[in-house]
Amino acid sequence: MEILINIIGYAAGICMAVSQFPQAWLVYKTGKTESISLLMFSILTGGVFCWFLYGILSATTVIWLTNGICLIPSFYVLYKCIKNKTRENNRI
């Protein structure tokens, strides 16, 4: 039963991690972030970061590994959103 639980955990983590990459790729290709909610992405990235820390502190590999991977595109998109929003505000 433990193997099945681990498989489900890794499958869920992989889905979460992979789900962030298409958005990050689109932002990378176009540089556009105006249709992305900065508040939503900030909360999402903060939540993923908390899960990452929880996984480290609880020594749960599946949680820290998959959320660590998820942080890569999440931080990138968040960075680009903030950068573009700052650039927009400086034009006014």
Protein backbone atom coordinates (compact mmCIF):
# COMPACT_ATOMS: atom_id res chain seq x y z
CA MET A 1 0.00 0.00 0.00
CA GLU A 2 2.88 2.38 0.73
CA ILE A 3 4.12 2.04 -2.86
CA LEU A 4 0.69 3.04 -4.20
CA ILE A 5 0.62 6.07 -1.88
CA ASN A 6 4.06 7.14 -3.12
CA ILE A 7 3.04 6.67 -6.76
CA ILE A 8 -0.04 8.85 -6.22
CA GLY A 9 2.09 11.47 -4.42
CA TYR A 10 4.67 11.63 -7.18
CA ALA A 11 1.97 11.68 -9.89
CA ALA A 12 0.22 14.60 -8.18
CA GLY A 13 3.50 16.44 -7.69
CA ILE A 14 4.58 15.93 -11.28
CA CYS A 15 1.21 17.23 -12.52
CA MET A 16 1.57 20.32 -10.33
CA ALA A 17 5.15 20.94 -11.43
CA VAL A 18 4.49 20.38 -15.12
CA SER A 19 1.39 22.59 -15.05
CA GLN A 20 3.53 25.68 -14.41
CA PHE A 21 5.89 25.23 -17.35
CA PRO A 22 3.50 26.12 -20.24
CA GLN A 23 2.74 29.52 -18.65
CA ALA A 24 6.43 30.16 -18.00
CA TRP A 25 7.29 29.19 -21.59
CA LEU A 26 4.64 31.54 -22.97
CA VAL A 27 5.94 34.40 -20.81
CA TYR A 28 9.49 33.61 -21.91
CA LYS A 29 8.53 33.60 -25.60
CA THR A 30 6.29 36.67 -25.60
CA GLY A 31 7.47 38.62 -22.56
CA LYS A 32 3.80 39.49 -21.94
CA THR A 33 2.31 39.19 -18.46
CA GLU A 34 -0.54 41.69 -18.49
CA SER A 35 -3.18 38.95 -18.51
CA ILE A 36 -1.67 37.23 -15.45
CA SER A 37 -2.97 38.20 -12.02
CA LEU A 38 0.00 39.31 -9.91
CA LEU A 39 -1.94 38.68 -6.70
CA MET A 40 -2.94 35.15 -7.74
CA PHE A 41 0.57 34.22 -8.86
CA SER A 42 2.06 35.69 -5.67
CA ILE A 43 -0.29 33.59 -3.53
CA LEU A 44 0.34 30.49 -5.65
CA THR A 45 4.12 30.88 -5.48
CA GLY A 46 3.94 31.53 -1.74
CA GLY A 47 1.87 28.38 -1.26
CA VAL A 48 4.24 26.27 -3.33
CA PHE A 49 7.17 27.68 -1.34
CA CYS A 50 5.43 26.75 1.93
CA TRP A 51 4.83 23.20 0.66
CA PHE A 52 8.51 23.04 -0.35
CA LEU A 53 9.59 24.09 3.15
CA TYR A 54 7.11 21.67 4.71
CA GLY A 55 8.56 18.84 2.62
CA ILE A 56 12.09 19.69 3.74
CA LEU A 57 11.15 20.05 7.41
CA SER A 58 9.11 16.84 7.42
CA ALA A 59 11.71 14.99 5.31
CA THR A 60 9.05 14.06 2.75
CA THR A 61 10.95 13.72 -0.51
CA VAL A 62 7.92 13.68 -2.79
CA ILE A 63 6.71 17.01 -1.39
CA TRP A 64 9.97 18.96 -1.37
CA LEU A 65 11.18 17.58 -4.70
CA THR A 66 8.05 18.22 -6.76
CA ASN A 67 7.35 21.60 -5.16
CA GLY A 68 11.00 22.57 -5.61
CA ILE A 69 10.64 21.85 -9.32
CA CYS A 70 7.37 23.80 -9.38
CA LEU A 71 9.10 26.82 -7.86
CA ILE A 72 11.34 27.28 -10.90
CA PRO A 73 8.63 28.35 -13.38
CA SER A 74 6.54 29.96 -10.62
CA PHE A 75 9.35 32.28 -9.51
CA TYR A 76 10.18 33.09 -13.13
CA VAL A 77 6.61 34.11 -13.99
CA LEU A 78 6.27 36.05 -10.74
CA TYR A 79 9.56 37.86 -11.43
CA LYS A 80 8.46 38.80 -14.95
CA CYS A 81 5.04 39.96 -13.70
CA ILE A 82 6.65 42.23 -11.11
CA LYS A 83 9.24 43.49 -13.60
CA ASN A 84 6.61 44.30 -16.22
CA LYS A 85 4.28 45.89 -13.65
CA THR A 86 7.15 48.07 -12.37
CA ARG A 87 8.03 49.08 -15.91
CA GLU A 88 4.37 49.92 -16.55
CA ASN A 89 4.15 52.09 -13.43
CA ASN A 90 7.34 53.96 -14.33
CA ARG A 91 5.81 55.03 -17.67
CA ILE A 92 2.98 56.89 -15.96
